Protein backbone atom coordinates (compact mmCIF):
# COMPACT_ATOMS: atom_id res chain seq x y z
CA MET A 1 118.88 87.12 -90.99
CA ALA A 2 115.85 86.71 -88.49
CA GLN A 3 114.98 90.30 -89.02
CA ASN A 4 115.14 90.26 -92.89
CA ILE A 5 112.72 87.24 -92.94
CA ILE A 6 110.31 89.06 -90.48
CA ASP A 7 110.59 92.35 -92.66
CA GLY A 8 109.91 90.19 -95.85
CA LEU A 9 106.65 88.71 -94.47
CA PHE A 10 105.04 91.34 -92.47
CA GLY A 11 106.62 94.74 -93.56
CA LYS A 12 109.25 96.46 -91.36
CA SER A 13 109.14 95.02 -87.90
CA PRO A 14 109.45 97.16 -84.77
CA ILE A 15 111.33 94.67 -82.91
CA SER A 16 114.65 95.77 -83.92
CA SER A 17 113.93 99.38 -82.88
CA LEU A 18 112.51 97.99 -79.38
CA GLN A 19 115.89 96.11 -78.82
CA LYS A 20 117.84 99.28 -79.70
CA HIS A 21 115.75 101.17 -77.25
CA MET A 22 116.37 98.62 -74.38
CA THR A 23 120.07 98.61 -75.18
CA GLN A 24 120.11 102.25 -74.87
CA VAL A 25 118.08 101.95 -71.58
CA HIS A 26 120.58 99.47 -70.03
CA SER A 27 123.56 101.67 -71.06
CA CYS A 28 121.94 104.36 -68.76
CA ILE A 29 121.39 102.14 -65.65
CA SER A 30 124.98 100.64 -66.27
CA GLU A 31 126.60 103.84 -65.23
CA LEU A 32 124.99 103.70 -61.79
CA ASN A 33 127.53 101.64 -60.03
CA GLY A 34 130.43 104.10 -60.81
CA PHE A 35 128.20 106.89 -59.75
CA MET A 36 127.36 105.59 -56.30
CA ILE A 37 131.13 104.96 -55.63
CA ALA A 38 131.89 108.37 -56.73
CA ILE A 39 129.22 109.72 -54.42
CA HIS A 40 130.49 107.64 -51.60
CA THR A 41 133.91 108.95 -51.94
CA GLN A 42 132.62 112.56 -52.44
CA ASN A 43 134.32 112.76 -55.84
CA TRP A 44 131.69 115.37 -57.08
CA VAL A 45 133.43 116.04 -60.29
CA LYS A 46 133.35 112.40 -61.39
CA ALA A 47 129.83 111.97 -59.98
CA GLU A 48 128.56 114.99 -62.13
CA ILE A 49 130.34 113.66 -65.22
CA ILE A 50 128.55 110.34 -64.67
CA ARG A 51 125.36 112.01 -63.99
CA SER A 52 125.63 113.91 -67.16
CA ASP A 53 126.23 110.77 -69.10
CA ILE A 54 123.23 109.27 -67.63
CA ASP A 55 121.08 112.24 -68.59
CA THR A 56 122.45 112.09 -72.33
CA LYS A 57 121.78 108.39 -72.50
CA GLU A 58 118.38 108.79 -71.16
CA GLY A 59 117.68 111.67 -73.70
CA LYS A 60 118.85 109.16 -76.49
CA ALA A 61 116.37 106.47 -75.21
CA ASP A 62 113.61 109.12 -75.34
CA ILE A 63 114.46 109.88 -79.03
CA LEU A 64 114.42 105.98 -79.93
CA LYS A 65 111.18 105.85 -78.05
CA LYS A 66 109.45 108.62 -79.83
CA ASN A 67 110.72 107.51 -83.27
CA LEU A 68 109.38 103.92 -82.54
CA ARG A 69 105.94 105.36 -81.58
CA LEU A 70 105.91 107.50 -84.86
CA SER A 71 106.88 104.38 -87.00
CA LEU A 72 104.69 101.91 -85.46
CA SER A 73 101.74 101.31 -87.79
CA SER A 74 98.44 100.64 -86.03
CA THR A 75 97.76 97.87 -88.68
CA PHE A 76 101.06 95.95 -88.83
CA MET A 77 100.97 92.31 -88.98
CA MET A 78 102.53 90.79 -85.73
CA PRO A 79 101.47 88.01 -83.39
CA PHE A 80 100.99 90.53 -80.66
CA SER A 81 99.17 93.96 -80.59
CA ARG A 82 100.40 97.46 -80.98
CA ARG A 83 99.34 98.09 -77.44
CA ASP A 84 101.40 95.24 -76.14
CA LEU A 85 104.43 96.64 -77.81
CA LEU A 86 103.80 100.13 -76.53
CA ASP A 87 103.39 98.92 -73.10
CA LEU A 88 106.64 97.05 -73.24
CA LEU A 89 108.38 100.19 -74.61
CA LEU A 90 106.91 102.40 -71.89
CA ILE A 91 108.20 99.83 -69.10
CA GLN A 92 111.60 99.73 -70.62
CA ASP A 93 111.72 103.45 -70.75
CA SER A 94 110.79 103.84 -67.09
CA ILE A 95 114.26 102.20 -66.24
CA ALA A 96 116.19 104.99 -67.78
CA ASN A 97 113.90 107.55 -66.24
CA ILE A 98 114.14 106.26 -62.58
CA THR A 99 118.08 105.98 -63.16
CA LYS A 100 118.01 109.74 -64.20
CA ASP A 101 115.82 110.57 -61.19
CA VAL A 102 117.86 108.87 -58.59
CA SER A 103 121.19 110.20 -59.98
CA GLY A 104 119.90 113.69 -60.16
CA LEU A 105 118.50 113.53 -56.46
CA MET A 106 121.74 112.38 -55.15
CA ILE A 107 124.06 114.67 -56.89
CA ASN A 108 121.76 117.85 -56.20
CA ARG A 109 121.65 117.13 -52.42
CA LYS A 110 125.22 115.84 -52.38
CA MET A 111 123.99 112.96 -50.81
CA ILE A 112 126.62 110.87 -48.86
CA LEU A 113 125.38 107.24 -47.92
CA PRO A 114 126.12 106.31 -44.42
CA ASP A 115 129.04 103.80 -44.14
CA GLU A 116 126.81 101.26 -42.51
CA THR A 117 124.59 101.09 -45.64
CA PHE A 118 127.23 101.53 -48.33
CA ASP A 119 128.17 97.96 -49.09
CA ASP A 120 124.52 96.80 -49.42
CA VAL A 121 123.66 99.73 -51.42
CA ILE A 122 126.38 98.90 -53.98
CA GLU A 123 125.23 95.29 -53.82
CA LEU A 124 121.56 96.37 -54.55
CA THR A 125 122.83 98.65 -57.35
CA LYS A 126 124.64 95.70 -59.02
CA VAL A 127 121.61 93.67 -58.75
CA CYS A 128 119.51 96.20 -60.40
CA ILE A 129 122.02 96.55 -63.16
CA LYS A 130 122.16 92.72 -63.60
CA THR A 131 118.27 92.51 -63.62
CA SER A 132 118.17 95.30 -66.43
CA SER A 133 120.93 93.16 -68.28
CA THR A 134 118.97 89.98 -68.24
CA ALA A 135 115.85 91.86 -69.27
CA LEU A 136 117.75 93.20 -72.23
CA LYS A 137 118.71 89.46 -72.91
CA ALA A 138 115.17 88.43 -73.04
CA VAL A 139 114.09 91.19 -75.23
CA ASN A 140 116.84 90.62 -77.61
CA GLU A 141 115.37 86.93 -78.00
CA LEU A 142 112.18 88.35 -79.63
CA ASP A 143 113.28 88.29 -83.27
CA GLU A 144 114.29 84.57 -82.88
CA LEU A 145 111.06 83.90 -81.23
CA LEU A 146 108.99 85.44 -84.18
CA GLU A 147 111.44 83.69 -86.74
CA THR A 148 110.56 80.24 -85.31
CA ALA A 149 106.90 81.09 -85.08
CA PHE A 150 106.83 81.06 -81.21
CA GLY A 151 108.57 77.62 -81.21
CA SER A 152 108.73 75.73 -78.07
CA ARG A 153 112.59 75.73 -77.86
CA GLU A 154 112.61 79.62 -78.06
CA ARG A 155 109.65 79.94 -75.73
CA LYS A 156 111.53 77.76 -73.12
CA ILE A 157 114.74 79.98 -73.64
CA ILE A 158 112.80 83.15 -72.95
CA SER A 159 110.74 81.60 -70.04
CA SER A 160 114.16 80.57 -68.42
CA ILE A 161 115.45 84.11 -68.63
CA ILE A 162 112.28 85.55 -67.15
CA GLU A 163 112.77 83.05 -64.27
CA ASP A 164 116.27 84.62 -63.86
CA ILE A 165 114.86 88.06 -63.81
CA ASN A 166 112.34 87.14 -61.26
CA GLU A 167 114.94 85.66 -58.99
CA LEU A 168 117.12 88.93 -59.28
CA GLU A 169 114.15 91.08 -58.40
CA SER A 170 113.49 88.92 -55.34
CA LYS A 171 117.22 89.32 -54.40
CA SER A 172 116.63 93.16 -54.54
CA ASP A 173 113.75 92.97 -52.35
CA LYS A 174 115.86 91.13 -49.67
CA ILE A 175 118.68 93.79 -49.93
CA GLN A 176 116.24 96.65 -49.64
CA HIS A 177 114.91 95.11 -46.36
CA GLU A 178 118.58 94.80 -45.03
CA ILE A 179 119.19 98.42 -45.83
CA ARG A 180 116.08 99.68 -44.27
CA ALA A 181 117.13 97.59 -41.14
CA GLU A 182 120.42 99.23 -41.24
CA LEU A 183 118.91 102.85 -41.55
CA PHE A 184 116.52 102.34 -38.68
CA PRO A 185 118.98 102.69 -35.93
CA LEU A 186 120.67 105.68 -37.70
CA GLU A 187 117.40 107.65 -37.57
CA SER A 188 117.86 109.24 -34.26
CA SER A 189 121.58 110.43 -35.03
CA LEU A 190 121.00 111.77 -38.57
CA PRO A 191 118.91 114.69 -39.78
CA PRO A 192 115.39 113.66 -40.42
CA VAL A 193 115.33 115.13 -44.01
CA ASP A 194 118.56 113.00 -44.91
CA ILE A 195 116.86 110.07 -43.44
CA MET A 196 113.86 110.71 -45.62
CA PHE A 197 116.08 111.00 -48.86
CA TYR A 198 117.97 107.87 -47.85
CA TYR A 199 114.86 105.78 -47.72
CA ARG A 200 113.66 107.42 -50.99
CA THR A 201 116.90 106.43 -52.73
CA VAL A 202 116.66 102.88 -51.61
CA GLU A 203 113.03 102.80 -52.96
CA TRP A 204 114.12 104.10 -56.32
CA LEU A 205 116.75 101.55 -56.73
CA GLY A 206 113.98 98.84 -55.85
CA GLU A 207 111.95 100.37 -58.53
CA LEU A 208 114.59 99.78 -61.14
CA ALA A 209 114.61 96.12 -60.42
CA ASP A 210 111.01 96.11 -60.35
CA ALA A 211 110.70 97.74 -63.69
CA ALA A 212 113.15 95.29 -65.21
CA GLN A 213 110.94 92.43 -63.73
CA LYS A 214 107.88 94.02 -65.48
CA VAL A 215 109.57 93.76 -68.73
CA GLY A 216 109.94 90.15 -68.21
CA SER A 217 106.23 89.90 -67.27
CA ARG A 218 105.05 91.68 -70.34
CA LEU A 219 107.07 89.27 -72.37
CA GLU A 220 105.30 86.45 -70.55
CA VAL A 221 102.09 88.03 -71.80
CA LEU A 222 103.46 88.21 -75.36
CA LEU A 223 104.28 84.43 -75.03
CA ALA A 224 100.80 83.68 -73.63
CA ARG A 225 99.16 85.18 -76.85
């Protein structure tokens, strides 16, 4: 209903396509928990299947991104600019890209996480997935925001969701710190190259939560205009 009203007033809105893209992006990162468990148990067949699913979903997100770019008129009548929407689209897309990168790195190197860090890595992965899910929830409120002409109630709803995103990202920072503290005493007993890639994996996982938070930050910019 909301989308029909918006389309009638301004022409075809890009919001629905933006929401579909974020939904596809989240379906990509949601595979990561099962992937991490498969990696840890050295179930390489299952890990490869999940990695392939991630690649496929990332590819579908790319198609949605390109279609939205091509269909987005430079003169469409909306309360925010074309540049704002394109920036949000690129931030969303980075979540799928990082998910593909981290799964590709781990499967290519047959990376087995140290037992000392595994529980926290899984916890970090779950927090990243939840941060993305919460960002998706915020993006899905955009059409309601427009329908109510940026009404105060809808603004408060999105602002509350953004606060949840920020809290989750802060939680991911704390878990990353704990994992690094667990890796430090292992440095002398593990190959230096392995240690380097363990740190890189943790960094990439943190970037997933950061990217989801940037979705929220970009939405804050839209609310302020």
